[in-house]
Amino acid sequence: MSQELLGLVLLGALLTGIFAGFPIAFTLIILSIVFGLIGFGDTVFYLMVFQTIGLMKEETLAAVPLFIFMGHIMEQAGLMERLFRSFRLILAPVKGSLYLGVLLTATIFATATGIIGASVTVMGMMAAPAMMKAGYDPKLSAGTIAAGGTLGILIPPSVMLVVMGPIVGVSIIKLFAAALVPGLILSGLYVAYTLIRCQLNPSLGPPLPPEERASSYREVVKEFFVGVVPLAVVIFAALGSILFGLATPTEAAAMGAFGAVVLMIAYGRFDLRKVRDACLNTLETSSLVLFLAVASNIYGAVFTRLGTSSMLAEWLLGLGLEPTALILMLMVVIFILGWPLEWPAIIFIFLPIFLPVVEEMKIDLLWFSTLVAVNLQTAFLSPPVAMAAYYLKAVAPKWELRLDLPRHGRLHAAAARRPRHRLLLPRSGTLVAAPALRLARGGRTGRAAIASGPFAR
């Protein structure tokens, strides 16, 4: 058997192991060792060492634990609940106010954590009881919490974007700027969808009763400046310093983590036990992400060394597809891969396979990376994995999510996402123009970048 065919067997073994329920990271490492020994002998062990050291030398990865620590500090300090209560009080007279509170809170908190576990869990704990008490529709409620919570993978500073940048060879700052607009558009679509549904059918999300509303306009203003503004200032100061080139992602992450601790003290929530729990949770989450990244990197190196990635790239180029058709095909493949695989496995294993094809077709890497990021965001809402469903089910056991989320609740999120898919088409002015307009300082003017489109590099 040739090494190229051995690589295909390696790929099939990975998918088989994942569907059989084996842990992804250990499956990646064990398969890499076994098939590496078969393919090119004990060189695989040297390859593992070099790949691990090379990945851990990537300075930008230092931002990963800092951003995660920032999110866990805000979670332990109850700042997310404080933010949700503020939106709930301000929007109480509006139909579907709890839906809006969840989505706005999730959007702001997504910029603070970059991961979905804490966001979906905390949102479910604080919003699900309020939604049940107010008589909100369980299907739309589950879809709103899950969809809003998954924004953390897309809206900067996303951990996934920090990891993706060095792999694709794109500046993390540019990638943050490019992904910010699609993430906000997606959040806006969710908000618009829930508002329209509640206007057409008020029983889905009735306004809160008078006793749960603000007693005066002054109370609304106070709640806004006390509950919303401080958290927003810390988050957007960290993000803005990255986008405007004032700080590196690692420096901005450190500043954001420090700001979260300051807010914890300012709100009177400082507790050494909570700080300790945040540190332990950060260690656990960071270890999980980075260990999976190392395992995926080793697997990708073995897969490439066997020559299978080059064979697949040549096969894709040999199809003779137009750039638009090729992009659509790759997006479908990535979407399907997102069902059984975690995002590190897709980024470290499959993106290096696709990159030579993308570069050969003269497709802009920044634009392609943004498409991949938005596409992977759907993986957390898509079966058979649907990680958001597991997080939400743990904190909302009264909701039968087997029916409400994957089949019905997820349909609410998918309905709001249909217009988003149109925005992702190559002729879309929004997603194509936004990175170019924001990154005009990179050498092209915004007008010239829009005119040349995503297929000109």
Protein backbone atom coordinates (compact mmCIF):
# COMPACT_ATOMS: atom_id res chain seq x y z
CA MET A 1 0.00 0.00 0.00
CA SER A 2 1.33 3.43 -0.95
CA GLN A 3 1.81 6.10 1.71
CA GLU A 4 -0.92 8.25 0.14
CA LEU A 5 -3.49 5.47 0.49
CA LEU A 6 -2.22 4.82 4.01
CA GLY A 7 -3.09 8.43 4.80
CA LEU A 8 -6.63 7.86 3.57
CA VAL A 9 -6.90 4.86 5.87
CA LEU A 10 -5.59 7.09 8.67
CA LEU A 11 -8.36 9.59 7.96
CA GLY A 12 -10.99 6.85 7.95
CA ALA A 13 -9.64 5.45 11.21
CA LEU A 14 -9.93 8.90 12.82
CA LEU A 15 -13.57 9.30 11.84
CA THR A 16 -14.32 5.73 12.96
CA GLY A 17 -12.69 6.33 16.34
CA ILE A 18 -14.60 9.57 16.89
CA PHE A 19 -17.96 8.04 16.02
CA ALA A 20 -17.12 5.10 18.28
CA GLY A 21 -16.85 7.56 21.18
CA PHE A 22 -13.11 7.63 21.84
CA PRO A 23 -11.63 10.93 23.13
CA ILE A 24 -10.53 13.00 20.15
CA ALA A 25 -7.12 14.11 21.48
CA PHE A 26 -5.96 10.61 22.45
CA THR A 27 -7.37 9.17 19.22
CA LEU A 28 -5.35 11.69 17.21
CA ILE A 29 -2.09 10.93 19.04
CA ILE A 30 -2.43 7.13 19.01
CA LEU A 31 -3.35 7.02 15.32
CA SER A 32 -0.49 9.38 14.49
CA ILE A 33 2.03 7.11 16.24
CA VAL A 34 0.69 3.87 14.76
CA PHE A 35 0.36 5.04 11.16
CA GLY A 36 3.56 7.09 11.41
CA LEU A 37 5.51 3.99 12.45
CA ILE A 38 4.01 2.06 9.57
CA GLY A 39 4.62 4.83 7.06
CA PHE A 40 8.08 6.18 7.89
CA GLY A 41 9.36 4.41 11.01
CA ASP A 42 10.58 5.96 14.24
CA THR A 43 10.93 9.35 12.55
CA VAL A 44 7.38 9.91 13.75
CA PHE A 45 8.66 10.46 17.31
CA TYR A 46 11.03 13.22 16.19
CA LEU A 47 8.17 14.71 14.20
CA MET A 48 5.98 14.73 17.30
CA VAL A 49 8.63 16.54 19.34
CA PHE A 50 9.30 19.18 16.69
CA GLN A 51 5.59 19.82 16.07
CA THR A 52 4.86 20.17 19.80
CA ILE A 53 7.79 22.52 20.43
CA GLY A 54 6.99 24.54 17.33
CA LEU A 55 3.39 25.04 18.36
CA MET A 56 4.22 25.93 21.95
CA LYS A 57 6.73 28.52 20.72
CA GLU A 58 3.91 30.45 19.06
CA GLU A 59 3.79 33.59 21.19
CA THR A 60 0.24 34.53 20.25
CA LEU A 61 -1.07 31.38 21.98
CA ALA A 62 -0.23 33.06 25.29
CA ALA A 63 -3.39 35.09 24.73
CA VAL A 64 -5.54 31.94 24.97
CA PRO A 65 -5.34 31.38 28.78
CA LEU A 66 -5.56 35.13 29.42
CA PHE A 67 -8.79 35.55 27.46
CA ILE A 68 -10.20 32.41 29.08
CA PHE A 69 -9.22 33.73 32.53
CA MET A 70 -10.98 37.00 31.72
CA GLY A 71 -14.19 35.14 30.93
CA HIS A 72 -14.03 32.90 33.99
CA ILE A 73 -13.39 35.87 36.31
CA MET A 74 -16.50 37.58 34.95
CA GLU A 75 -18.44 34.36 35.38
CA GLN A 76 -17.27 33.81 38.97
CA ALA A 77 -17.96 37.45 39.87
CA GLY A 78 -21.53 37.19 38.58
CA LEU A 79 -20.95 40.02 36.09
CA MET A 80 -22.85 38.19 33.37
CA GLU A 81 -25.91 37.83 35.61
CA ARG A 82 -25.59 41.51 36.49
CA LEU A 83 -25.53 42.41 32.80
CA PHE A 84 -28.57 40.25 32.06
CA ARG A 85 -30.55 41.81 34.92
CA SER A 86 -29.74 45.25 33.56
CA PHE A 87 -30.99 44.40 30.07
CA ARG A 88 -34.02 42.66 31.57
CA LEU A 89 -34.99 45.78 33.53
CA ILE A 90 -34.31 48.18 30.66
CA LEU A 91 -36.21 46.12 28.04
CA ALA A 92 -39.03 44.87 30.32
CA PRO A 93 -41.92 46.59 28.42
CA VAL A 94 -40.80 45.16 25.05
CA LYS A 95 -42.31 41.97 23.63
CA GLY A 96 -39.67 39.25 23.77
CA SER A 97 -37.56 41.28 26.21
CA LEU A 98 -35.94 38.18 27.71
CA TYR A 99 -34.91 36.98 24.24
CA LEU A 100 -33.31 40.36 23.59
CA GLY A 101 -31.64 40.34 27.01
CA VAL A 102 -30.15 36.90 26.35
CA LEU A 103 -28.86 37.82 22.89
CA LEU A 104 -27.40 41.19 23.91
CA THR A 105 -25.78 39.70 27.01
CA ALA A 106 -24.39 36.80 24.99
CA THR A 107 -23.01 39.20 22.36
CA ILE A 108 -21.16 41.30 24.92
CA PHE A 109 -20.02 38.31 26.95
CA ALA A 110 -18.82 36.56 23.78
CA THR A 111 -16.21 39.26 23.39
CA ALA A 112 -15.06 38.54 26.93
CA THR A 113 -14.56 34.80 26.77
CA GLY A 114 -14.17 33.50 23.23
CA ILE A 115 -15.56 30.09 24.31
CA ILE A 116 -19.11 28.82 24.41
CA GLY A 117 -19.13 26.54 27.46
CA ALA A 118 -19.24 29.27 30.09
CA SER A 119 -21.55 31.44 28.01
CA VAL A 120 -24.23 28.80 27.28
CA THR A 121 -24.08 27.37 30.81
CA VAL A 122 -24.40 30.69 32.62
CA MET A 123 -27.01 31.99 30.17
CA GLY A 124 -29.05 28.84 30.68
CA MET A 125 -28.78 29.04 34.49
CA MET A 126 -29.92 32.64 34.72
CA ALA A 127 -32.29 32.95 31.74
CA ALA A 128 -34.08 29.59 31.61
CA PRO A 129 -35.89 30.00 34.99
CA ALA A 130 -36.93 33.56 34.11
CA MET A 131 -38.23 32.43 30.71
CA MET A 132 -40.18 29.56 32.25
CA LYS A 133 -41.69 31.90 34.86
CA ALA A 134 -42.68 34.46 32.21
CA GLY A 135 -44.33 31.79 30.06
CA TYR A 136 -41.90 32.06 27.15
CA ASP A 137 -41.97 29.45 24.40
CA PRO A 138 -39.53 26.62 25.32
CA LYS A 139 -38.50 25.97 21.70
CA LEU A 140 -37.63 29.57 20.92
CA SER A 141 -36.07 30.01 24.36
CA ALA A 142 -33.74 27.03 23.90
CA GLY A 143 -32.79 28.14 20.40
CA THR A 144 -32.09 31.69 21.59
CA ILE A 145 -29.83 30.65 24.47
CA ALA A 146 -27.91 28.11 22.38
CA ALA A 147 -27.53 30.39 19.38
CA GLY A 148 -26.50 33.40 21.45
CA GLY A 149 -24.05 31.35 23.49
CA THR A 150 -22.26 30.04 20.41
CA LEU A 151 -21.33 33.56 19.29
CA GLY A 152 -18.26 33.28 21.52
CA ILE A 153 -16.47 31.20 18.89
CA LEU A 154 -16.85 33.95 16.27
CA ILE A 155 -16.92 37.38 17.88
CA PRO A 156 -13.39 38.53 18.81
CA PRO A 157 -11.43 37.90 20.89
CA SER A 158 -12.28 34.32 19.99
CA VAL A 159 -9.87 31.60 21.09
CA MET A 160 -10.49 29.87 17.78
CA LEU A 161 -9.38 32.95 15.84
CA VAL A 162 -6.22 33.24 17.96
CA VAL A 163 -5.33 29.65 17.03
CA MET A 164 -6.41 29.96 13.38
CA GLY A 165 -4.31 33.03 12.57
CA PRO A 166 -0.84 31.40 12.72
CA ILE A 167 -2.07 28.28 10.92
CA VAL A 168 -3.46 30.19 7.95
CA GLY A 169 -0.69 32.77 8.01
CA VAL A 170 -3.03 35.70 8.60
CA SER A 171 -2.52 38.45 11.15
CA ILE A 172 -4.69 37.84 14.23
CA ILE A 173 -5.45 41.55 14.36
CA LYS A 174 -6.76 41.48 10.79
CA LEU A 175 -8.67 38.28 11.49
CA PHE A 176 -10.32 39.87 14.54
CA ALA A 177 -11.33 42.89 12.46
CA ALA A 178 -12.67 40.70 9.67
CA ALA A 179 -14.72 38.41 11.94
CA LEU A 180 -16.20 41.19 14.09
CA VAL A 181 -18.66 42.48 11.48
CA PRO A 182 -20.09 39.03 10.51
CA GLY A 183 -20.43 38.19 14.21
CA LEU A 184 -22.38 41.37 14.92
CA ILE A 185 -24.50 40.81 11.79
CA LEU A 186 -25.33 37.32 12.98
CA SER A 187 -26.27 38.65 16.42
CA GLY A 188 -28.44 41.31 14.77
CA LEU A 189 -30.22 38.65 12.70
CA TYR A 190 -31.01 36.68 15.84
CA VAL A 191 -32.39 39.82 17.50
CA ALA A 192 -34.47 40.75 14.45
CA TYR A 193 -35.85 37.22 14.15
CA THR A 194 -36.99 37.00 17.77
CA LEU A 195 -38.49 40.51 17.63
CA ILE A 196 -40.48 39.73 14.48
CA ARG A 197 -41.70 36.41 15.85
CA CYS A 198 -42.84 38.02 19.09
CA GLN A 199 -44.59 40.84 17.23
CA LEU A 200 -46.47 38.35 15.05
CA ASN A 201 -47.23 36.03 17.97
CA PRO A 202 -46.99 37.83 21.36
CA SER A 203 -47.60 34.58 23.25
CA LEU A 204 -44.08 33.46 22.33
CA GLY A 205 -42.55 36.23 24.47
CA PRO A 206 -44.99 38.51 26.31
CA PRO A 207 -43.74 41.72 27.98
CA LEU A 208 -42.79 41.38 31.62
CA PRO A 209 -45.47 42.28 34.20
CA PRO A 210 -45.45 45.84 35.65
CA GLU A 211 -44.03 44.73 39.00
CA GLU A 212 -40.85 43.54 37.23
CA ARG A 213 -40.31 46.81 35.35
CA ALA A 214 -38.35 49.90 36.31
CA SER A 215 -40.28 52.31 38.49
CA SER A 216 -38.85 55.40 36.76
CA TYR A 217 -36.76 56.54 33.82
CA ARG A 218 -34.03 57.49 36.27
CA GLU A 219 -33.76 53.88 37.40
CA VAL A 220 -33.35 52.76 33.78
CA VAL A 221 -30.55 55.26 33.19
CA LYS A 222 -28.83 54.27 36.44
CA GLU A 223 -29.04 50.59 35.60
CA PHE A 224 -27.57 51.25 32.17
CA PHE A 225 -24.54 53.16 33.46
CA VAL A 226 -23.95 50.88 36.45
CA GLY A 227 -24.73 47.48 34.96
CA VAL A 228 -23.84 47.77 31.27
CA VAL A 229 -21.30 50.53 30.66
CA PRO A 230 -18.42 49.38 32.97
CA LEU A 231 -18.35 45.86 31.56
CA ALA A 232 -18.65 47.12 27.98
CA VAL A 233 -15.82 49.61 28.52
CA VAL A 234 -13.42 46.93 29.78
CA ILE A 235 -14.26 44.50 26.99
CA PHE A 236 -14.18 46.95 24.11
CA ALA A 237 -11.06 48.64 25.48
CA ALA A 238 -9.25 45.31 25.24
CA LEU A 239 -10.71 44.56 21.81
CA GLY A 240 -10.23 48.10 20.53
CA SER A 241 -6.58 48.16 21.54
CA ILE A 242 -6.07 45.12 19.30
CA LEU A 243 -8.02 46.43 16.32
CA PHE A 244 -6.35 49.86 16.37
CA GLY A 245 -2.88 48.39 16.74
CA LEU A 246 -2.25 49.79 20.21
CA ALA A 247 -1.47 46.39 21.71
CA THR A 248 -0.77 42.83 20.65
CA PRO A 249 -3.47 40.21 21.32
CA THR A 250 -1.47 38.90 24.29
CA GLU A 251 -1.05 42.37 25.80
CA ALA A 252 -4.74 43.17 25.25
CA ALA A 253 -5.72 39.85 26.83
CA ALA A 254 -3.63 40.66 29.91
CA MET A 255 -5.22 44.11 30.10
CA GLY A 256 -8.71 42.61 29.78
CA ALA A 257 -8.01 40.05 32.51
CA PHE A 258 -6.76 42.81 34.80
CA GLY A 259 -9.84 44.89 34.01
CA ALA A 260 -12.10 41.96 34.87
CA VAL A 261 -10.43 41.66 38.28
CA VAL A 262 -10.85 45.42 38.83
CA LEU A 263 -14.58 45.13 37.99
CA MET A 264 -14.84 42.20 40.37
CA ILE A 265 -13.48 44.41 43.15
CA ALA A 266 -15.56 47.44 42.14
CA TYR A 267 -18.81 45.45 42.26
CA GLY A 268 -17.92 44.07 45.69
CA ARG A 269 -17.66 40.49 44.39
CA PHE A 270 -13.96 39.91 45.09
CA ASP A 271 -13.35 36.62 46.86
CA LEU A 272 -10.14 34.60 46.92
CA ARG A 273 -12.13 31.39 46.59
CA LYS A 274 -13.76 32.69 43.40
CA VAL A 275 -10.38 33.78 42.02
CA ARG A 276 -9.00 30.33 42.82
CA ASP A 277 -11.93 28.66 41.03
CA ALA A 278 -11.44 30.95 38.03
CA CYS A 279 -7.74 30.02 37.91
CA LEU A 280 -8.49 26.29 38.10
CA ASN A 281 -11.19 26.57 35.41
CA THR A 282 -8.78 28.54 33.25
CA LEU A 283 -6.10 25.88 33.69
CA GLU A 284 -8.55 23.13 32.79
CA THR A 285 -9.98 24.88 29.74
CA SER A 286 -6.59 26.07 28.45
CA SER A 287 -5.09 22.60 28.87
CA LEU A 288 -8.00 21.09 26.99
CA VAL A 289 -7.70 23.51 24.08
CA LEU A 290 -3.92 23.42 23.80
CA PHE A 291 -3.63 19.64 24.26
CA LEU A 292 -6.18 19.14 21.51
CA ALA A 293 -4.26 21.65 19.39
CA VAL A 294 -1.00 19.74 19.90
CA ALA A 295 -2.66 16.40 19.09
CA SER A 296 -4.28 17.84 15.96
CA ASN A 297 -0.98 19.41 14.88
CA ILE A 298 0.85 16.10 15.21
CA TYR A 299 -1.86 14.28 13.30
CA GLY A 300 -1.79 16.89 10.54
CA ALA A 301 2.00 16.60 10.27
CA VAL A 302 1.84 12.82 9.92
CA PHE A 303 -1.01 13.11 7.41
CA THR A 304 1.04 15.59 5.35
CA ARG A 305 4.26 13.54 5.62
CA LEU A 306 2.41 10.56 4.14
CA GLY A 307 1.65 12.71 1.09
CA THR A 308 -2.11 12.39 1.32
CA SER A 309 -2.71 16.12 1.73
CA SER A 310 -0.81 16.86 -1.50
CA MET A 311 -2.75 14.13 -3.28
CA LEU A 312 -6.08 15.56 -2.12
CA ALA A 313 -5.01 19.11 -3.06
CA GLU A 314 -4.02 17.99 -6.56
CA TRP A 315 -7.33 16.16 -6.88
CA LEU A 316 -9.29 19.26 -5.90
CA LEU A 317 -7.35 21.42 -8.37
CA GLY A 318 -7.86 18.79 -11.04
CA LEU A 319 -11.63 19.19 -10.82
CA GLY A 320 -11.33 22.46 -12.73
CA LEU A 321 -13.93 24.27 -10.64
CA GLU A 322 -14.45 28.00 -10.64
CA PRO A 323 -13.38 29.79 -7.43
CA THR A 324 -16.99 30.33 -6.35
CA ALA A 325 -17.89 26.65 -6.83
CA LEU A 326 -14.71 25.57 -5.06
CA ILE A 327 -15.43 27.82 -2.08
CA LEU A 328 -18.97 26.46 -1.81
CA MET A 329 -17.69 22.88 -1.94
CA LEU A 330 -15.06 23.54 0.74
CA MET A 331 -17.63 25.24 2.97
CA VAL A 332 -19.94 22.21 2.68
CA VAL A 333 -17.06 19.90 3.58
CA ILE A 334 -16.07 22.03 6.59
CA PHE A 335 -19.70 22.22 7.74
CA ILE A 336 -20.01 18.42 7.63
CA LEU A 337 -16.67 18.00 9.40
CA GLY A 338 -17.99 20.26 12.15
CA TRP A 339 -20.55 17.65 13.16
CA PRO A 340 -18.17 15.02 14.60
CA LEU A 341 -14.97 17.05 15.02
CA GLU A 342 -13.89 19.84 17.36
CA TRP A 343 -12.68 23.04 15.75
CA PRO A 344 -8.97 22.46 16.61
CA ALA A 345 -9.01 19.21 14.63
CA ILE A 346 -10.50 20.96 11.60
CA ILE A 347 -8.09 23.90 11.77
CA PHE A 348 -4.92 21.86 12.30
CA ILE A 349 -5.73 18.91 10.04
CA PHE A 350 -7.95 20.04 7.21
CA LEU A 351 -7.14 23.71 6.74
CA PRO A 352 -3.52 22.89 5.77
CA ILE A 353 -4.98 20.55 3.13
CA PHE A 354 -7.24 23.25 1.73
CA LEU A 355 -4.74 26.13 1.90
CA PRO A 356 -2.65 25.14 -1.17
CA VAL A 357 -5.85 24.91 -3.19
CA VAL A 358 -7.09 28.27 -1.93
CA GLU A 359 -3.75 29.92 -2.65
CA GLU A 360 -3.54 28.37 -6.12
CA MET A 361 -7.01 29.76 -6.94
CA LYS A 362 -5.84 33.24 -5.82
CA ILE A 363 -8.50 33.44 -3.12
CA ASP A 364 -7.84 35.97 -0.37
CA LEU A 365 -6.78 34.08 2.77
CA LEU A 366 -8.32 36.61 5.14
CA TRP A 367 -11.69 36.33 3.43
CA PHE A 368 -11.44 32.54 3.35
CA SER A 369 -10.53 32.42 7.06
CA THR A 370 -13.55 34.56 7.90
CA LEU A 371 -15.82 32.19 5.97
CA VAL A 372 -14.35 29.22 7.83
CA ALA A 373 -14.85 30.91 11.21
CA VAL A 374 -18.49 31.71 10.51
CA ASN A 375 -19.05 28.22 9.16
CA LEU A 376 -17.52 26.53 12.20
CA GLN A 377 -19.79 28.58 14.46
CA THR A 378 -22.69 26.47 13.19
CA ALA A 379 -21.00 23.26 14.37
CA PHE A 380 -22.00 23.96 17.97
CA LEU A 381 -25.65 24.03 16.89
CA SER A 382 -25.52 21.09 14.51
CA PRO A 383 -26.05 17.42 15.38
CA PRO A 384 -24.74 14.85 16.05
CA VAL A 385 -22.39 16.75 18.40
CA ALA A 386 -24.37 19.98 19.05
CA MET A 387 -22.26 20.89 22.07
CA ALA A 388 -24.58 23.78 22.95
CA ALA A 389 -27.36 21.25 23.53
CA TYR A 390 -25.27 19.38 26.10
CA TYR A 391 -24.36 22.55 27.98
CA LEU A 392 -27.97 23.76 28.01
CA LYS A 393 -29.45 20.39 28.92
CA ALA A 394 -27.26 20.26 32.04
CA VAL A 395 -28.71 23.50 33.41
CA ALA A 396 -32.24 23.30 31.98
CA PRO A 397 -33.32 19.68 32.58
CA LYS A 398 -37.02 20.59 32.37
CA TRP A 399 -36.64 21.34 28.67
CA GLU A 400 -36.76 18.24 26.49
CA LEU A 401 -33.95 19.38 24.22
CA ARG A 402 -33.99 16.23 22.16
CA LEU A 403 -37.11 17.72 20.62
CA ASP A 404 -36.75 21.42 21.30
CA LEU A 405 -33.15 22.12 20.37
CA PRO A 406 -31.88 19.93 17.55
CA ARG A 407 -35.22 19.76 15.72
CA HIS A 408 -37.18 22.83 16.74
CA GLY A 409 -35.13 25.21 18.83
CA ARG A 410 -32.22 24.87 16.44
CA LEU A 411 -34.60 25.59 13.58
CA HIS A 412 -35.30 28.99 15.11
CA ALA A 413 -31.58 29.72 15.07
CA ALA A 414 -31.24 28.28 11.59
CA ALA A 415 -34.08 30.45 10.31
CA ALA A 416 -32.31 33.54 11.55
CA ARG A 417 -29.10 32.24 9.97
CA ARG A 418 -30.52 31.78 6.45
CA PRO A 419 -30.07 35.43 5.57
CA ARG A 420 -26.58 35.17 7.05
CA HIS A 421 -25.68 32.47 4.53
CA ARG A 422 -26.63 34.85 1.74
CA LEU A 423 -24.22 37.37 3.24
CA LEU A 424 -21.47 34.79 2.93
CA LEU A 425 -21.79 34.30 -0.82
CA PRO A 426 -18.86 35.58 -2.86
CA ARG A 427 -20.92 38.43 -4.34
CA SER A 428 -21.91 39.70 -0.92
CA GLY A 429 -20.88 43.28 -0.36
CA THR A 430 -21.06 43.00 3.43
CA LEU A 431 -18.64 40.21 4.31
CA VAL A 432 -16.38 40.85 1.34
CA ALA A 433 -16.17 44.61 1.82
CA ALA A 434 -15.99 44.73 5.61
CA PRO A 435 -12.51 43.19 6.01
CA ALA A 436 -11.22 45.30 3.14
CA LEU A 437 -12.66 48.52 4.52
CA ARG A 438 -11.31 47.83 7.99
CA LEU A 439 -7.92 46.77 6.72
CA ALA A 440 -7.37 49.49 4.16
CA ARG A 441 -4.15 50.41 5.94
CA GLY A 442 -2.73 47.06 4.81
CA GLY A 443 -1.87 48.41 1.38
CA ARG A 444 -5.13 48.76 -0.57
CA THR A 445 -7.80 51.37 -0.23
CA GLY A 446 -11.24 50.19 0.76
CA ARG A 447 -12.67 51.15 -2.67
CA ALA A 448 -9.96 49.26 -4.54
CA ALA A 449 -10.35 46.23 -2.30
CA ILE A 450 -14.08 46.08 -2.93
CA ALA A 451 -13.58 46.47 -6.66
CA SER A 452 -11.00 43.71 -6.83
CA GLY A 453 -13.11 41.34 -4.72
CA PRO A 454 -12.06 38.37 -2.60
CA PHE A 455 -10.49 36.41 -5.44
CA ALA A 456 -7.69 38.91 -6.02
CA ARG A 457 -4.75 38.78 -3.66
